[in-house]
C-alpha atoms as a PDB file:
ATOM      1  CA  MET A   1      -5.116 150.539 143.421  1.00  0.00           C
ATOM      2  CA  VAL A   2      -3.749 151.608 140.087  1.00  0.00           C
ATOM      3  CA  THR A   3      -4.496 154.794 138.045  1.00  0.00           C
ATOM      4  CA  GLY A   4      -2.744 156.032 134.995  1.00  0.00           C
ATOM      5  CA  VAL A   5      -0.211 153.191 134.913  1.00  0.00           C
ATOM      6  CA  LEU A   6       1.515 154.521 131.793  1.00  0.00           C
ATOM      7  CA  SER A   7       3.970 156.514 133.919  1.00  0.00           C
ATOM      8  CA  LEU A   8       4.477 154.060 136.818  1.00  0.00           C
ATOM      9  CA  ARG A   9       5.565 150.446 136.270  1.00  0.00           C
ATOM     10  CA  ASN A  10       7.100 147.464 137.870  1.00  0.00           C
ATOM     11  CA  VAL A  11       6.333 148.346 141.481  1.00  0.00           C
ATOM     12  CA  SER A  12       7.440 145.577 143.834  1.00  0.00           C
ATOM     13  CA  LEU A  13       8.257 145.084 147.507  1.00  0.00           C
ATOM     14  CA  VAL A  14      11.065 142.898 148.907  1.00  0.00           C
ATOM     15  CA  ILE A  15      11.690 142.224 152.561  1.00  0.00           C
ATOM     16  CA  LEU A  16      15.151 141.195 153.630  1.00  0.00           C
ATOM     17  CA  PRO A  17      15.560 138.775 155.278  1.00  0.00           C
ATOM     18  CA  PRO A  18      12.269 137.010 154.454  1.00  0.00           C
ATOM     19  CA  ALA A  19      12.055 135.866 158.129  1.00  0.00           C
ATOM     20  CA  VAL A  20      13.483 138.492 160.482  1.00  0.00           C
ATOM     21  CA  GLN A  21      14.873 137.438 163.893  1.00  0.00           C
ATOM     22  CA  ARG A  22      13.486 139.437 166.751  1.00  0.00           C
ATOM     23  CA  GLY A  23      15.832 142.228 167.800  1.00  0.00           C
ATOM     24  CA  LEU A  24      17.679 142.405 164.519  1.00  0.00           C
ATOM     25  CA  GLN A  25      17.404 144.544 161.441  1.00  0.00           C
ATOM     26  CA  ALA A  26      14.828 144.367 158.566  1.00  0.00           C
ATOM     27  CA  ILE A  27      15.349 146.031 155.183  1.00  0.00           C
ATOM     28  CA  LEU A  28      12.279 146.965 153.170  1.00  0.00           C
ATOM     29  CA  LEU A  29      12.930 147.579 149.465  1.00  0.00           C
ATOM     30  CA  CYS A  30      10.336 149.263 147.272  1.00  0.00           C
ATOM     31  CA  ASN A  31      11.356 149.043 143.611  1.00  0.00           C
ATOM     32  CA  TYR A  32       9.658 150.942 140.875  1.00  0.00           C
ATOM     33  CA  ASP A  33      10.046 152.383 137.363  1.00  0.00           C
ATOM     34  CA  LEU A  34       8.809 156.039 137.029  1.00  0.00           C
ATOM     35  CA  GLU A  35       9.482 156.086 133.304  1.00  0.00           C
ATOM     36  CA  GLY A  36      10.747 159.663 133.493  1.00  0.00           C
ATOM     37  CA  SER A  37       7.855 161.050 135.664  1.00  0.00           C
ATOM     38  CA  PRO A  38       8.801 163.012 138.787  1.00  0.00           C
ATOM     39  CA  LEU A  39       8.346 161.240 142.136  1.00  0.00           C
ATOM     40  CA  TYR A  40       5.716 162.772 144.441  1.00  0.00           C
ATOM     41  CA  ALA A  41       5.843 160.456 147.415  1.00  0.00           C
ATOM     42  CA  VAL A  42       6.617 156.954 148.710  1.00  0.00           C
ATOM     43  CA  LYS A  43       4.528 155.978 151.693  1.00  0.00           C
ATOM     44  CA  TRP A  44       5.049 152.952 153.949  1.00  0.00           C
ATOM     45  CA  TYR A  45       2.337 151.229 155.988  1.00  0.00           C
ATOM     46  CA  ARG A  46       2.138 148.490 158.615  1.00  0.00           C
ATOM     47  CA  GLY A  47      -1.442 147.298 158.164  1.00  0.00           C
ATOM     48  CA  ILE A  48      -3.433 150.458 157.478  1.00  0.00           C
ATOM     49  CA  ARG A  49      -1.179 152.815 159.521  1.00  0.00           C
ATOM     50  CA  GLU A  50       1.476 154.862 157.811  1.00  0.00           C
ATOM     51  CA  PHE A  51       4.868 154.916 159.540  1.00  0.00           C
ATOM     52  CA  TYR A  52       7.271 156.442 157.047  1.00  0.00           C
ATOM     53  CA  ARG A  53       7.028 158.779 154.031  1.00  0.00           C
ATOM     54  CA  PHE A  54       9.551 160.055 151.519  1.00  0.00           C
ATOM     55  CA  SER A  55       8.535 163.231 149.620  1.00  0.00           C
ATOM     56  CA  PRO A  56      11.424 164.711 147.579  1.00  0.00           C
ATOM     57  CA  ASN A  57       9.720 168.176 147.395  1.00  0.00           C
ATOM     58  CA  ASP A  58       9.418 168.495 151.215  1.00  0.00           C
ATOM     59  CA  ASN A  59      12.134 169.774 153.485  1.00  0.00           C
ATOM     60  CA  PRO A  60      13.209 167.519 155.045  1.00  0.00           C
ATOM     61  CA  PRO A  61      12.059 164.880 152.508  1.00  0.00           C
ATOM     62  CA  THR A  62      11.541 162.152 155.174  1.00  0.00           C
ATOM     63  CA  LYS A  63       8.736 162.022 157.715  1.00  0.00           C
ATOM     64  CA  ILE A  64       8.258 159.413 160.438  1.00  0.00           C
ATOM     65  CA  PHE A  65       4.900 158.670 162.008  1.00  0.00           C
ATOM     66  CA  PRO A  66       4.942 157.290 165.594  1.00  0.00           C
ATOM     67  CA  TYR A  67       4.167 153.566 165.701  1.00  0.00           C
ATOM     68  CA  GLN A  68       4.918 151.502 168.820  1.00  0.00           C
ATOM     69  CA  GLY A  69       7.739 149.006 168.114  1.00  0.00           C
ATOM     70  CA  ILE A  70       8.835 150.532 164.806  1.00  0.00           C
ATOM     71  CA  HIS A  71      12.351 152.023 164.877  1.00  0.00           C
ATOM     72  CA  VAL A  72      13.159 153.550 161.525  1.00  0.00           C
ATOM     73  CA  ASP A  73      16.935 154.116 160.787  1.00  0.00           C
ATOM     74  CA  VAL A  74      16.606 157.508 159.023  1.00  0.00           C
ATOM     75  CA  SER A  75      20.241 157.579 157.968  1.00  0.00           C
ATOM     76  CA  MET A  76      19.708 154.383 155.992  1.00  0.00           C
ATOM     77  CA  SER A  77      16.233 155.023 154.637  1.00  0.00           C
ATOM     78  CA  ASN A  78      15.464 156.845 151.391  1.00  0.00           C
ATOM     79  CA  ALA A  79      13.134 156.944 148.400  1.00  0.00           C
ATOM     80  CA  SER A  80      13.449 153.221 147.751  1.00  0.00           C
ATOM     81  CA  GLN A  81      14.108 151.587 151.043  1.00  0.00           C
ATOM     82  CA  VAL A  82      13.340 151.663 154.770  1.00  0.00           C
ATOM     83  CA  VAL A  83      15.615 150.073 157.390  1.00  0.00           C
ATOM     84  CA  LEU A  84      14.033 149.020 160.658  1.00  0.00           C
ATOM     85  CA  GLN A  85      16.110 148.330 163.750  1.00  0.00           C
ATOM     86  CA  GLN A  86      15.317 146.100 166.730  1.00  0.00           C
ATOM     87  CA  VAL A  87      12.180 144.559 165.195  1.00  0.00           C
ATOM     88  CA  GLY A  88       9.590 143.062 167.586  1.00  0.00           C
ATOM     89  CA  PHE A  89       6.885 140.471 167.208  1.00  0.00           C
ATOM     90  CA  ASN A  90       4.252 143.201 166.912  1.00  0.00           C
ATOM     91  CA  LEU A  91       5.617 144.065 163.464  1.00  0.00           C
ATOM     92  CA  SER A  92       4.635 140.699 161.962  1.00  0.00           C
ATOM     93  CA  GLY A  93       2.005 141.232 159.439  1.00  0.00           C
ATOM     94  CA  ASN A  94       1.220 143.190 156.265  1.00  0.00           C
ATOM     95  CA  ILE A  95       3.784 145.735 155.072  1.00  0.00           C
ATOM     96  CA  SER A  96       2.925 147.999 152.127  1.00  0.00           C
ATOM     97  CA  CYS A  97       4.624 150.691 150.051  1.00  0.00           C
ATOM     98  CA  GLU A  98       2.594 153.155 147.994  1.00  0.00           C
ATOM     99  CA  VAL A  99       4.313 155.066 145.195  1.00  0.00           C
ATOM    100  CA  THR A 100       2.840 158.243 143.700  1.00  0.00           C
ATOM    101  CA  THR A 101       4.139 160.228 140.736  1.00  0.00           C
ATOM    102  CA  ASP A 102       3.809 164.040 140.500  1.00  0.00           C
ATOM    103  CA  ALA A 103       2.066 166.135 137.874  1.00  0.00           C
ATOM    104  CA  PRO A 104       0.984 165.665 135.202  1.00  0.00           C
ATOM    105  CA  SER A 105       0.129 161.921 135.631  1.00  0.00           C
ATOM    106  CA  PHE A 106      -0.363 161.558 139.426  1.00  0.00           C
ATOM    107  CA  SER A 107      -0.146 157.747 139.086  1.00  0.00           C
ATOM    108  CA  THR A 108      -0.415 155.642 142.246  1.00  0.00           C
ATOM    109  CA  LYS A 109       0.308 152.024 142.955  1.00  0.00           C
ATOM    110  CA  MET A 110       0.549 150.102 146.208  1.00  0.00           C
ATOM    111  CA  VAL A 111       2.131 146.678 146.799  1.00  0.00           C
ATOM    112  CA  SER A 112       2.271 144.518 149.926  1.00  0.00           C
ATOM    113  CA  GLN A 113       4.227 141.724 151.495  1.00  0.00           C
ATOM    114  CA  GLU A 114       4.022 139.807 154.796  1.00  0.00           C
ATOM    115  CA  LEU A 115       6.745 140.534 157.344  1.00  0.00           C
ATOM    116  CA  MET A 116       7.503 137.569 159.590  1.00  0.00           C
ATOM    117  CA  VAL A 117       9.365 138.181 162.894  1.00  0.00           C
ATOM    118  CA  ILE A 118      10.766 134.983 164.378  1.00  0.00           C
ATOM    119  CA  GLU A 119      12.699 133.750 167.431  1.00  0.00           C
ATOM    120  CA  LEU A 120      14.900 130.710 166.830  1.00  0.00           C
ATOM    121  CA  PRO A 121      15.428 127.937 169.422  1.00  0.00           C
ATOM    122  CA  LYS A 122      18.507 128.315 171.571  1.00  0.00           C
ATOM    123  CA  ARG A 123      19.423 124.654 170.937  1.00  0.00           C
ATOM    124  CA  GLY A 124      18.489 121.586 168.979  1.00  0.00           C
ATOM    125  CA  PRO A 125      15.701 119.194 169.911  1.00  0.00           C
ATOM    126  CA  LEU A 126      15.859 116.548 172.662  1.00  0.00           C
ATOM    127  CA  ILE A 127      14.739 112.902 172.652  1.00  0.00           C
ATOM    128  CA  ASN A 128      13.528 111.051 175.771  1.00  0.00           C
ATOM    129  CA  THR A 129      12.713 107.295 175.607  1.00  0.00           C
ATOM    130  CA  GLU A 130      11.008 104.931 177.991  1.00  0.00           C
ATOM    131  CA  LYS A 131      13.838 102.337 177.628  1.00  0.00           C
ATOM    132  CA  ASP A 132      17.400 102.202 176.304  1.00  0.00           C
ATOM    133  CA  ARG A 133      17.114  98.797 174.591  1.00  0.00           C
ATOM    134  CA  TYR A 134      14.436  97.301 172.293  1.00  0.00           C
ATOM    135  CA  ASP A 135      13.831  94.024 170.578  1.00  0.00           C
ATOM    136  CA  VAL A 136      11.505  93.245 167.682  1.00  0.00           C
ATOM    137  CA  GLY A 137       7.932  93.090 169.110  1.00  0.00           C
ATOM    138  CA  ASP A 138       8.626  95.644 171.927  1.00  0.00           C
ATOM    139  CA  ILE A 139       6.609  98.870 172.163  1.00  0.00           C
ATOM    140  CA  LEU A 140       8.824 101.874 171.554  1.00  0.00           C
ATOM    141  CA  ARG A 141       7.693 105.006 173.409  1.00  0.00           C
ATOM    142  CA  ALA A 142       9.504 108.330 172.984  1.00  0.00           C
ATOM    143  CA  ASN A 143       9.067 112.067 173.104  1.00  0.00           C
ATOM    144  CA  CYS A 144      10.882 114.767 171.159  1.00  0.00           C
ATOM    145  CA  SER A 145      10.845 118.307 172.419  1.00  0.00           C
ATOM    146  CA  SER A 146      12.028 121.612 171.039  1.00  0.00           C
ATOM    147  CA  ALA A 147      13.326 124.722 172.839  1.00  0.00           C
ATOM    148  CA  PRO A 148      11.013 127.734 172.893  1.00  0.00           C
ATOM    149  CA  SER A 149      10.634 129.566 169.570  1.00  0.00           C
ATOM    150  CA  LYS A 150       8.272 131.600 167.419  1.00  0.00           C
ATOM    151  CA  PRO A 151       6.685 130.167 165.450  1.00  0.00           C
ATOM    152  CA  ALA A 152       6.565 126.827 167.195  1.00  0.00           C
ATOM    153  CA  ALA A 153       8.997 124.222 165.839  1.00  0.00           C
ATOM    154  CA  SER A 154       7.692 121.565 163.497  1.00  0.00           C
ATOM    155  CA  LEU A 155       8.943 118.136 164.742  1.00  0.00           C
ATOM    156  CA  SER A 156       9.371 114.825 162.815  1.00  0.00           C
ATOM    157  CA  PHE A 157      10.574 111.342 163.869  1.00  0.00           C
ATOM    158  CA  PHE A 158      12.661 109.038 161.700  1.00  0.00           C
ATOM    159  CA  LEU A 159      13.549 105.434 162.580  1.00  0.00           C
ATOM    160  CA  ASN A 160      16.566 104.042 160.691  1.00  0.00           C
ATOM    161  CA  GLU A 161      16.092 106.934 158.140  1.00  0.00           C
ATOM    162  CA  ASN A 162      12.328 106.156 157.599  1.00  0.00           C
ATOM    163  CA  PRO A 163       9.636 108.578 158.799  1.00  0.00           C
ATOM    164  CA  VAL A 164       7.479 107.149 161.628  1.00  0.00           C
ATOM    165  CA  GLY A 165       4.711 108.339 163.887  1.00  0.00           C
ATOM    166  CA  TYR A 166       1.856 110.751 163.253  1.00  0.00           C
ATOM    167  CA  PRO A 167       1.718 114.593 163.118  1.00  0.00           C
ATOM    168  CA  SER A 168       0.387 114.896 166.672  1.00  0.00           C
ATOM    169  CA  THR A 169       2.649 117.619 168.003  1.00  0.00           C
ATOM    170  CA  LYS A 170       1.595 119.285 171.202  1.00  0.00           C
ATOM    171  CA  PHE A 171       2.350 122.955 171.838  1.00  0.00           C
ATOM    172  CA  PHE A 172       3.006 124.712 175.126  1.00  0.00           C
ATOM    173  CA  ASN A 173       3.215 128.390 175.998  1.00  0.00           C
ATOM    174  CA  ALA A 174       6.734 129.221 177.067  1.00  0.00           C
ATOM    175  CA  GLY A 175       6.054 132.853 177.777  1.00  0.00           C
ATOM    176  CA  ASP A 176       7.313 135.998 176.022  1.00  0.00           C
ATOM    177  CA  GLY A 177       5.332 135.053 172.918  1.00  0.00           C
ATOM    178  CA  LEU A 178       7.270 131.782 172.475  1.00  0.00           C
ATOM    179  CA  MET A 179       5.998 128.229 172.141  1.00  0.00           C
ATOM    180  CA  THR A 180       7.541 124.853 172.889  1.00  0.00           C
ATOM    181  CA  SER A 181       6.786 121.771 170.741  1.00  0.00           C
ATOM    182  CA  VAL A 182       6.491 118.154 172.033  1.00  0.00           C
ATOM    183  CA  LEU A 183       5.983 115.220 169.661  1.00  0.00           C
ATOM    184  CA  PRO A 184       5.185 111.808 171.182  1.00  0.00           C
ATOM    185  CA  LEU A 185       5.873 108.474 169.472  1.00  0.00           C
ATOM    186  CA  GLU A 186       4.489 105.018 170.198  1.00  0.00           C
ATOM    187  CA  LEU A 187       4.985 102.067 167.869  1.00  0.00           C
ATOM    188  CA  ARG A 188       5.657  98.315 167.881  1.00  0.00           C
ATOM    189  CA  VAL A 189       9.175  97.522 166.702  1.00  0.00           C
ATOM    190  CA  ASP A 190       9.111  95.210 163.664  1.00  0.00           C
ATOM    191  CA  PRO A 191      11.952  93.755 161.607  1.00  0.00           C
ATOM    192  CA  SER A 192      11.816  96.631 159.092  1.00  0.00           C
ATOM    193  CA  HIS A 193      12.790  99.067 161.873  1.00  0.00           C
ATOM    194  CA  VAL A 194      16.015  97.235 162.724  1.00  0.00           C
ATOM    195  CA  SER A 195      19.308  97.801 160.982  1.00  0.00           C
ATOM    196  CA  PRO A 196      21.480  94.860 159.831  1.00  0.00           C
ATOM    197  CA  ASN A 197      23.570  95.080 163.086  1.00  0.00           C
ATOM    198  CA  GLY A 198      20.380  94.933 165.154  1.00  0.00           C
ATOM    199  CA  ASN A 199      20.396  98.535 166.301  1.00  0.00           C
ATOM    200  CA  LEU A 200      17.612 101.061 166.188  1.00  0.00           C
ATOM    201  CA  THR A 201      18.508 104.680 165.259  1.00  0.00           C
ATOM    202  CA  LEU A 202      15.839 107.165 166.252  1.00  0.00           C
ATOM    203  CA  ARG A 203      16.135 110.739 164.924  1.00  0.00           C
ATOM    204  CA  CYS A 204      14.072 113.834 165.574  1.00  0.00           C
ATOM    205  CA  THR A 205      14.253 116.852 163.335  1.00  0.00           C
ATOM    206  CA  ALA A 206      13.077 120.367 164.295  1.00  0.00           C
ATOM    207  CA  LEU A 207      12.147 122.986 161.675  1.00  0.00           C
ATOM    208  CA  VAL A 208      11.357 126.633 162.258  1.00  0.00           C
ATOM    209  CA  ALA A 209      10.256 128.665 159.239  1.00  0.00           C
ATOM    210  CA  THR A 210      12.916 128.172 156.499  1.00  0.00           C
ATOM    211  CA  VAL A 211      15.910 129.240 158.546  1.00  0.00           C
ATOM    212  CA  PHE A 212      16.338 126.606 161.331  1.00  0.00           C
ATOM    213  CA  ARG A 213      16.861 122.898 160.914  1.00  0.00           C
ATOM    214  CA  LYS A 214      18.482 120.726 163.588  1.00  0.00           C
ATOM    215  CA  SER A 215      18.370 117.057 164.483  1.00  0.00           C
ATOM    216  CA  VAL A 216      19.163 114.730 167.379  1.00  0.00           C
ATOM    217  CA  GLU A 217      19.812 111.026 167.071  1.00  0.00           C
ATOM    218  CA  LEU A 218      19.552 108.215 169.607  1.00  0.00           C
ATOM    219  CA  THR A 219      21.014 104.753 168.873  1.00  0.00           C
ATOM    220  CA  MET A 220      19.601 101.785 170.755  1.00  0.00           C
ATOM    221  CA  SER A 221      20.770  98.106 170.644  1.00  0.00           C
ATOM    222  CA  PRO A 222      18.737  94.953 171.344  1.00  0.00           C
ATOM    223  CA  ARG A 223      18.187  93.928 174.954  1.00  0.00           C
ATOM    224  CA  THR A 224      20.089  90.785 174.284  1.00  0.00           C
ATOM    225  CA  SER A 225      23.371  92.479 173.193  1.00  0.00           C
ATOM    226  CA  GLU A 226      26.254  94.004 175.064  1.00  0.00           C
ATOM    227  CA  PRO A 227      27.475  96.535 175.941  1.00  0.00           C
ATOM    228  CA  VAL A 228      24.743  99.030 176.904  1.00  0.00           C
ATOM    229  CA  PRO A 229      24.693 101.669 174.162  1.00  0.00           C
ATOM    230  CA  GLU A 230      25.288 105.359 174.726  1.00  0.00           C
ATOM    231  CA  ARG A 231      22.974 108.066 173.524  1.00  0.00           C
ATOM    232  CA  VAL A 232      24.357 109.795 170.549  1.00  0.00           C
ATOM    233  CA  THR A 233      23.338 113.269 169.321  1.00  0.00           C
ATOM    234  CA  SER A 234      23.969 114.978 166.069  1.00  0.00           C
ATOM    235  CA  PRO A 235      26.576 117.815 165.953  1.00  0.00           C
ATOM    236  CA  SER A 236      23.715 120.328 165.617  1.00  0.00           C
ATOM    237  CA  CYS A 237      22.334 119.541 169.108  1.00  0.00           C
ATOM    238  CA  CYS A 238      23.387 121.540 172.024  1.00  0.00           C
ATOM    239  CA  PRO A 239      24.913 120.037 175.269  1.00  0.00           C
ATOM    240  CA  GLN A 240      22.395 118.292 177.453  1.00  0.00           C
ATOM    241  CA  SER A 241      22.638 120.901 180.195  1.00  0.00           C
ATOM    242  CA  SER A 242      19.041 122.100 180.190  1.00  0.00           C
ATOM    243  CA  HIS A 243      17.804 119.977 183.069  1.00  0.00           C
ATOM    244  CA  ILE A 244      15.032 122.373 183.953  1.00  0.00           C
ATOM    245  CA  TYR A 245      13.692 122.268 180.415  1.00  0.00           C
ATOM    246  CA  MET A 246      13.649 118.458 180.355  1.00  0.00           C
ATOM    247  CA  SER A 247      10.726 118.559 182.710  1.00  0.00           C
ATOM    248  CA  ILE A 248       8.311 119.323 179.930  1.00  0.00           C
ATOM    249  CA  ILE A 249       8.985 116.051 178.148  1.00  0.00           C
ATOM    250  CA  LEU A 250       8.442 113.631 181.059  1.00  0.00           C
ATOM    251  CA  PHE A 251       6.030 110.828 180.046  1.00  0.00           C
ATOM    252  CA  SER A 252       2.573 111.143 181.588  1.00  0.00           C
ATOM    253  CA  GLY A 253       1.551 107.901 183.126  1.00  0.00           C
ATOM    254  CA  LEU A 254       4.748 105.970 182.174  1.00  0.00           C
ATOM    255  CA  ALA A 255       6.953 104.196 184.616  1.00  0.00           C
ATOM    256  CA  MET A 256      10.362 105.115 183.338  1.00  0.00           C
ATOM    257  CA  ARG A 257      13.182 102.636 183.776  1.00  0.00           C
END
């Protein structure tokens, strides 16, 4: 809504960081140009509900409206910014700031942005395979799983640096608003999958929003070679100590070697 825009210009809203981790701080910046007109009020909304107002003519100039899960840091909030502490998932959604100038123009403009509250995985992804060794012509079956997060991690498989598989990720409720992702892979090994030394290097990459990217790698040699290869993970993957969590990636209907 815009009326009398001659005295109110360049209203914009910035949320920092763009994806806020649950329990941390969010800074909401409302920028505007009054062009010399006096400020009447800046109002902040989550959805259609107002939760903070700054009116320079009032005493005190700030007013907080109760909203479950919103914790305004009054000491750091003013006419152009609101600082929220300990943000929760319930704050994800539409945030708006409405700026109004005082007499004589009484111009008003509202702008909005989406606030995303996320929870990052506690570790990198894990790969589980049916076998440790593969020759050309064998069927390679594997699963990649992520730790619980919000939103659910996006998973991708790469075989010797080439993308393989299909986007058939399965999602499981992990409780507390979090989701676990599991991506299955099944393909027949052909010569293009094998490196010059005969090995297969399978990598899984997990992405969450734009702030989390970790990979795990597993190198497998042909069944005809020695010695038996070890599983190798990227530096970004956490230690394989989550034995309980591994239960979600067991193959259904497969006889593991």
